[in-house]
Structures are given as structure tokens and as C-alpha cells.
Amino acid sequence: MKSIRVVAVLGLCLPVLAMAQANTPRVDQRQVNQEARIQQGVASGSLTPNETMRLENGQTHIQNLETKAKSDGVVTQQERHRLHHAQEAQSDRIYRQKHDLQHDYNHNGRNDHRPRRG
């Protein structure tokens, strides 16, 4: 009787533990933050439509990596490292694209020249 209870408790707890390991709140929050950075770049005109499309494709790639990592119910340390590395690379891309000399200030889909100072 006691062994049946133990098996029943384990049967209920193991799926919950597996799902707990498959949670990636840091990855999810970083995805949200990077998406916000991209949208801010679009709103300010510092990202052109082509740059935005490439960055959005990068975000999709990271989401696909996360989905694949979670597919078996456990995100291993190696999978977490790969996700972190992909997000670091994407963050660098976002920064570079927002700070290059290509801008679309008037949101017409064409590159605008940066206004000269002085």
C-alpha cells in the first residue's frame, strides 16, 4: 500500500519537475527586451525596413532554438549556453544596426541621411 502511494506521488511530481526545468524566464524576458529595442528603433527611424526584417528573423531564430530546447521537457546547460550565445549575438546586431549610418527618419522605406551638425 505504501509503495503504491510513493509511485502515485512520483507520477504526479515528475512531470511538474520536468516542466519546471523547461522554463526559461530569463530567455523569455530577454526576448521581450530585444523586441522592444527593435520596435524603438523602428519608431525613432534608426532602423530601416530591411534592417528590421533581418532583426525580426533573428528573433524568430532564437525563438525556434528555445522551442527546440524545450521540446523534450528539459533545457540542458548546453542548450542554455547556446540560447545565451544566440541572444548575445542578436543583441550586438541590434546595437550595430541602430547605430549605423542608415536611417529612415521619415518612415518612407528609404535611407535618409543623418542631419549634419554645425
N, C-alpha and C. Protein backbone atom coordinates (compact mmCIF):
# COMPACT_ATOMS: atom_id res chain seq x y z
N MET A 1 0.81 -1.19 0.00
CA MET A 1 0.00 0.00 0.00
C MET A 1 0.86 1.26 0.00
N LYS A 2 1.94 1.23 0.82
CA LYS A 2 2.82 2.37 0.91
C LYS A 2 3.54 2.61 -0.41
N SER A 3 3.93 1.53 -1.08
CA SER A 3 4.65 1.68 -2.35
C SER A 3 3.74 2.24 -3.44
N ILE A 4 2.45 1.95 -3.38
CA ILE A 4 1.51 2.49 -4.35
C ILE A 4 1.42 4.01 -4.18
N ARG A 5 1.40 4.47 -2.93
CA ARG A 5 1.36 5.91 -2.68
C ARG A 5 2.62 6.59 -3.21
N VAL A 6 3.75 5.97 -2.97
CA VAL A 6 5.02 6.55 -3.43
C VAL A 6 5.02 6.65 -4.95
N VAL A 7 4.58 5.62 -5.62
CA VAL A 7 4.52 5.62 -7.08
C VAL A 7 3.54 6.68 -7.56
N ALA A 8 2.41 6.81 -6.89
CA ALA A 8 1.42 7.81 -7.28
C ALA A 8 1.97 9.23 -7.11
N VAL A 9 2.65 9.46 -6.00
CA VAL A 9 3.23 10.79 -5.76
C VAL A 9 4.31 11.09 -6.79
N LEU A 10 5.16 10.12 -7.07
CA LEU A 10 6.20 10.32 -8.08
C LEU A 10 5.58 10.56 -9.46
N GLY A 11 4.51 9.84 -9.75
CA GLY A 11 3.83 10.03 -11.03
C GLY A 11 3.27 11.43 -11.19
N LEU A 12 2.87 12.05 -10.11
CA LEU A 12 2.36 13.41 -10.15
C LEU A 12 3.47 14.45 -10.14
N CYS A 13 4.55 14.17 -9.44
CA CYS A 13 5.63 15.16 -9.27
C CYS A 13 6.59 15.23 -10.45
N LEU A 14 6.89 14.13 -11.07
CA LEU A 14 7.89 14.12 -12.13
C LEU A 14 7.54 15.03 -13.31
N PRO A 15 6.31 14.99 -13.82
CA PRO A 15 6.01 15.93 -14.92
C PRO A 15 6.14 17.39 -14.50
N VAL A 16 5.77 17.69 -13.27
CA VAL A 16 5.88 19.07 -12.78
C VAL A 16 7.35 19.47 -12.71
N LEU A 17 8.20 18.58 -12.22
CA LEU A 17 9.63 18.88 -12.15
C LEU A 17 10.23 19.04 -13.54
N ALA A 18 9.81 18.22 -14.47
CA ALA A 18 10.32 18.33 -15.84
C ALA A 18 9.91 19.66 -16.45
N MET A 19 8.69 20.09 -16.21
CA MET A 19 8.24 21.37 -16.76
C MET A 19 8.97 22.53 -16.08
N ALA A 20 9.29 22.38 -14.80
CA ALA A 20 10.00 23.44 -14.10
C ALA A 20 11.39 23.64 -14.70
N GLN A 21 12.02 22.55 -15.11
CA GLN A 21 13.34 22.66 -15.72
C GLN A 21 13.25 23.22 -17.13
N ALA A 22 12.12 23.07 -17.77
CA ALA A 22 11.97 23.54 -19.15
C ALA A 22 11.61 25.02 -19.20
N ASN A 23 11.33 25.64 -18.06
CA ASN A 23 11.04 27.07 -18.05
C ASN A 23 12.31 27.87 -18.29
N THR A 24 12.19 28.91 -19.08
CA THR A 24 13.34 29.75 -19.38
C THR A 24 12.93 31.22 -19.23
N PRO A 25 12.67 31.66 -18.00
CA PRO A 25 12.19 33.03 -17.82
C PRO A 25 13.20 34.09 -18.25
N ARG A 26 14.49 33.84 -18.06
CA ARG A 26 15.49 34.82 -18.47
C ARG A 26 15.52 34.97 -19.99
N VAL A 27 15.43 33.85 -20.68
CA VAL A 27 15.41 33.89 -22.14
C VAL A 27 14.17 34.62 -22.61
N ASP A 28 13.04 34.32 -22.00
CA ASP A 28 11.79 34.96 -22.40
C ASP A 28 11.84 36.47 -22.17
N GLN A 29 12.34 36.89 -21.00
CA GLN A 29 12.41 38.32 -20.70
C GLN A 29 13.38 39.02 -21.64
N ARG A 30 14.47 38.37 -21.96
CA ARG A 30 15.44 39.00 -22.86
C ARG A 30 14.85 39.13 -24.26
N GLN A 31 14.07 38.15 -24.67
CA GLN A 31 13.40 38.24 -25.98
C GLN A 31 12.48 39.46 -26.01
N VAL A 32 11.73 39.65 -24.93
CA VAL A 32 10.82 40.79 -24.84
C VAL A 32 11.61 42.10 -24.91
N ASN A 33 12.71 42.16 -24.16
CA ASN A 33 13.53 43.38 -24.15
C ASN A 33 14.12 43.67 -25.54
N GLN A 34 14.61 42.64 -26.20
CA GLN A 34 15.21 42.85 -27.52
C GLN A 34 14.15 43.24 -28.54
N GLU A 35 12.97 42.68 -28.42
CA GLU A 35 11.89 43.06 -29.32
C GLU A 35 11.53 44.53 -29.11
N ALA A 36 11.52 44.96 -27.85
CA ALA A 36 11.23 46.37 -27.54
C ALA A 36 12.31 47.28 -28.12
N ARG A 37 13.56 46.85 -28.07
CA ARG A 37 14.65 47.65 -28.66
C ARG A 37 14.47 47.79 -30.16
N ILE A 38 14.04 46.71 -30.81
CA ILE A 38 13.81 46.77 -32.25
C ILE A 38 12.66 47.73 -32.55
N GLN A 39 11.57 47.63 -31.81
CA GLN A 39 10.42 48.50 -32.04
C GLN A 39 10.77 49.96 -31.78
N GLN A 40 11.61 50.21 -30.78
CA GLN A 40 12.04 51.58 -30.51
C GLN A 40 12.87 52.11 -31.68
N GLY A 41 13.70 51.24 -32.27
CA GLY A 41 14.50 51.63 -33.43
C GLY A 41 13.63 51.95 -34.63
N VAL A 42 12.56 51.20 -34.81
CA VAL A 42 11.62 51.47 -35.91
C VAL A 42 10.93 52.81 -35.67
N ALA A 43 10.47 53.04 -34.44
CA ALA A 43 9.75 54.27 -34.12
C ALA A 43 10.63 55.50 -34.28
N SER A 44 11.90 55.38 -33.92
CA SER A 44 12.79 56.54 -33.99
C SER A 44 13.35 56.75 -35.39
N GLY A 45 13.22 55.74 -36.24
CA GLY A 45 13.77 55.84 -37.59
C GLY A 45 15.21 55.38 -37.69
N SER A 46 15.78 54.89 -36.62
CA SER A 46 17.17 54.44 -36.67
C SER A 46 17.32 53.07 -37.32
N LEU A 47 16.20 52.38 -37.56
CA LEU A 47 16.22 51.11 -38.29
C LEU A 47 15.43 51.26 -39.58
N THR A 48 16.02 50.79 -40.66
CA THR A 48 15.32 50.78 -41.94
C THR A 48 14.44 49.54 -42.00
N PRO A 49 13.51 49.47 -42.95
CA PRO A 49 12.66 48.28 -43.07
C PRO A 49 13.46 46.99 -43.29
N ASN A 50 14.52 47.05 -44.10
CA ASN A 50 15.33 45.84 -44.33
C ASN A 50 16.06 45.41 -43.07
N GLU A 51 16.60 46.37 -42.33
CA GLU A 51 17.27 46.04 -41.08
C GLU A 51 16.28 45.43 -40.10
N THR A 52 15.11 46.00 -40.03
CA THR A 52 14.07 45.49 -39.13
C THR A 52 13.71 44.06 -39.48
N MET A 53 13.55 43.79 -40.76
CA MET A 53 13.18 42.44 -41.20
C MET A 53 14.27 41.44 -40.80
N ARG A 54 15.54 41.80 -41.00
CA ARG A 54 16.62 40.89 -40.64
C ARG A 54 16.67 40.66 -39.13
N LEU A 55 16.46 41.71 -38.35
CA LEU A 55 16.47 41.56 -36.89
C LEU A 55 15.29 40.72 -36.41
N GLU A 56 14.13 40.91 -37.02
CA GLU A 56 12.96 40.09 -36.66
C GLU A 56 13.21 38.62 -37.00
N ASN A 57 13.87 38.36 -38.12
CA ASN A 57 14.22 36.98 -38.47
C ASN A 57 15.17 36.38 -37.43
N GLY A 58 16.09 37.20 -36.92
CA GLY A 58 16.98 36.73 -35.86
C GLY A 58 16.23 36.40 -34.59
N GLN A 59 15.23 37.21 -34.26
CA GLN A 59 14.41 36.94 -33.09
C GLN A 59 13.64 35.62 -33.26
N THR A 60 13.14 35.41 -34.46
CA THR A 60 12.42 34.16 -34.76
C THR A 60 13.35 32.97 -34.63
N HIS A 61 14.59 33.12 -35.09
CA HIS A 61 15.57 32.04 -34.98
C HIS A 61 15.80 31.66 -33.52
N ILE A 62 15.95 32.67 -32.66
CA ILE A 62 16.16 32.40 -31.24
C ILE A 62 14.94 31.72 -30.63
N GLN A 63 13.75 32.16 -31.03
CA GLN A 63 12.52 31.54 -30.52
C GLN A 63 12.46 30.07 -30.94
N ASN A 64 12.87 29.78 -32.17
CA ASN A 64 12.90 28.39 -32.64
C ASN A 64 13.91 27.56 -31.85
N LEU A 65 15.07 28.14 -31.53
CA LEU A 65 16.05 27.44 -30.70
C LEU A 65 15.47 27.11 -29.33
N GLU A 66 14.76 28.08 -28.75
CA GLU A 66 14.16 27.87 -27.44
C GLU A 66 13.09 26.77 -27.49
N THR A 67 12.26 26.82 -28.51
CA THR A 67 11.22 25.80 -28.66
C THR A 67 11.83 24.41 -28.80
N LYS A 68 12.88 24.31 -29.59
CA LYS A 68 13.56 23.02 -29.78
C LYS A 68 14.19 22.55 -28.47
N ALA A 69 14.79 23.48 -27.71
CA ALA A 69 15.41 23.11 -26.43
C ALA A 69 14.37 22.61 -25.44
N LYS A 70 13.18 23.19 -25.46
CA LYS A 70 12.12 22.80 -24.53
C LYS A 70 11.36 21.56 -24.96
N SER A 71 11.56 21.12 -26.18
CA SER A 71 10.72 20.06 -26.75
C SER A 71 10.75 18.76 -25.96
N ASP A 72 11.87 18.44 -25.33
CA ASP A 72 11.93 17.19 -24.57
C ASP A 72 11.61 17.38 -23.09
N GLY A 73 11.24 18.61 -22.70
CA GLY A 73 10.83 18.87 -21.32
C GLY A 73 11.96 19.31 -20.41
N VAL A 74 13.21 19.24 -20.88
CA VAL A 74 14.35 19.64 -20.07
C VAL A 74 15.27 20.50 -20.93
N VAL A 75 15.63 21.66 -20.41
CA VAL A 75 16.59 22.52 -21.09
C VAL A 75 17.94 22.29 -20.42
N THR A 76 18.86 21.65 -21.15
CA THR A 76 20.16 21.32 -20.58
C THR A 76 21.03 22.57 -20.48
N GLN A 77 22.12 22.44 -19.74
CA GLN A 77 23.06 23.54 -19.59
C GLN A 77 23.65 23.93 -20.95
N GLN A 78 23.91 22.95 -21.80
CA GLN A 78 24.44 23.23 -23.14
C GLN A 78 23.42 24.00 -23.98
N GLU A 79 22.16 23.63 -23.87
CA GLU A 79 21.11 24.35 -24.60
C GLU A 79 20.97 25.78 -24.08
N ARG A 80 21.06 25.95 -22.76
CA ARG A 80 21.00 27.30 -22.19
C ARG A 80 22.17 28.15 -22.68
N HIS A 81 23.35 27.54 -22.75
CA HIS A 81 24.52 28.26 -23.24
C HIS A 81 24.33 28.68 -24.70
N ARG A 82 23.80 27.78 -25.51
CA ARG A 82 23.57 28.10 -26.91
C ARG A 82 22.55 29.24 -27.06
N LEU A 83 21.49 29.20 -26.26
CA LEU A 83 20.49 30.26 -26.28
C LEU A 83 21.11 31.59 -25.85
N HIS A 84 21.92 31.56 -24.80
CA HIS A 84 22.57 32.78 -24.33
C HIS A 84 23.49 33.35 -25.40
N HIS A 85 24.26 32.48 -26.03
CA HIS A 85 25.18 32.93 -27.09
C HIS A 85 24.40 33.54 -28.26
N ALA A 86 23.31 32.91 -28.65
CA ALA A 86 22.49 33.44 -29.76
C ALA A 86 21.89 34.79 -29.39
N GLN A 87 21.46 34.94 -28.16
CA GLN A 87 20.90 36.22 -27.73
C GLN A 87 21.96 37.31 -27.63
N GLU A 88 23.17 36.96 -27.22
CA GLU A 88 24.26 37.93 -27.20
C GLU A 88 24.56 38.43 -28.61
N ALA A 89 24.64 37.50 -29.55
CA ALA A 89 24.91 37.88 -30.94
C ALA A 89 23.79 38.76 -31.48
N GLN A 90 22.56 38.43 -31.17
CA GLN A 90 21.42 39.22 -31.63
C GLN A 90 21.44 40.61 -31.01
N SER A 91 21.79 40.70 -29.74
CA SER A 91 21.88 41.99 -29.07
C SER A 91 22.93 42.86 -29.75
N ASP A 92 24.07 42.28 -30.09
CA ASP A 92 25.12 43.02 -30.80
C ASP A 92 24.62 43.50 -32.15
N ARG A 93 23.87 42.65 -32.87
CA ARG A 93 23.32 43.04 -34.17
C ARG A 93 22.36 44.22 -34.03
N ILE A 94 21.50 44.15 -33.03
CA ILE A 94 20.54 45.23 -32.81
C ILE A 94 21.29 46.54 -32.56
N TYR A 95 22.29 46.49 -31.71
CA TYR A 95 23.06 47.70 -31.41
C TYR A 95 23.71 48.26 -32.68
N ARG A 96 24.39 47.39 -33.42
CA ARG A 96 25.08 47.85 -34.64
C ARG A 96 24.11 48.46 -35.64
N GLN A 97 22.98 47.82 -35.84
CA GLN A 97 22.03 48.32 -36.84
C GLN A 97 21.39 49.64 -36.40
N LYS A 98 21.16 49.79 -35.10
CA LYS A 98 20.55 51.03 -34.62
C LYS A 98 21.54 52.19 -34.65
N HIS A 99 22.84 51.90 -34.64
CA HIS A 99 23.84 52.95 -34.57
C HIS A 99 24.66 53.10 -35.85
N ASP A 100 24.23 52.48 -36.93
CA ASP A 100 24.94 52.69 -38.18
C ASP A 100 24.43 53.96 -38.86
N LEU A 101 24.90 54.23 -40.05
CA LEU A 101 24.53 55.48 -40.72
C LEU A 101 23.28 55.35 -41.58
N GLN A 102 22.62 54.20 -41.52
CA GLN A 102 21.39 54.02 -42.28
C GLN A 102 20.21 54.35 -41.38
N HIS A 103 19.38 55.29 -41.83
CA HIS A 103 18.22 55.71 -41.05
C HIS A 103 17.02 55.90 -41.96
N ASP A 104 15.85 55.82 -41.39
CA ASP A 104 14.61 56.07 -42.10
C ASP A 104 13.77 57.01 -41.23
N TYR A 105 14.24 58.24 -41.09
CA TYR A 105 13.60 59.19 -40.19
C TYR A 105 12.16 59.50 -40.56
N ASN A 106 11.87 59.60 -41.86
CA ASN A 106 10.51 59.96 -42.26
C ASN A 106 9.64 58.74 -42.56
N HIS A 107 10.13 57.55 -42.29
CA HIS A 107 9.38 56.30 -42.40
C HIS A 107 8.78 56.07 -43.79
N ASN A 108 9.57 56.41 -44.82
CA ASN A 108 9.10 56.17 -46.18
C ASN A 108 9.73 54.94 -46.82
N GLY A 109 10.52 54.19 -46.06
CA GLY A 109 11.13 52.99 -46.58
C GLY A 109 12.45 53.21 -47.29
N ARG A 110 12.94 54.44 -47.31
CA ARG A 110 14.22 54.77 -47.95
C ARG A 110 15.21 55.24 -46.91
N ASN A 111 16.49 55.03 -47.21
CA ASN A 111 17.53 55.52 -46.31
C ASN A 111 17.59 57.03 -46.36
N ASP A 112 17.64 57.65 -45.20
CA ASP A 112 17.78 59.10 -45.10
C ASP A 112 19.19 59.39 -44.60
N HIS A 113 19.69 60.54 -44.98
CA HIS A 113 21.00 60.95 -44.49
C HIS A 113 20.84 61.58 -43.12
N ARG A 114 21.81 61.34 -42.29
CA ARG A 114 21.80 61.93 -40.95
C ARG A 114 21.97 63.45 -41.09
N PRO A 115 21.16 64.21 -40.40
CA PRO A 115 21.32 65.67 -40.48
C PRO A 115 22.70 66.09 -39.97
N ARG A 116 23.30 67.02 -40.69
CA ARG A 116 24.63 67.48 -40.29
C ARG A 116 24.52 68.49 -39.17
N ARG A 117 25.49 68.40 -38.28
CA ARG A 117 25.55 69.35 -37.18
C ARG A 117 26.60 70.40 -37.49
N GLY A 118 26.35 71.59 -37.04
CA GLY A 118 27.41 72.54 -37.09
C GLY A 118 27.29 73.64 -37.99
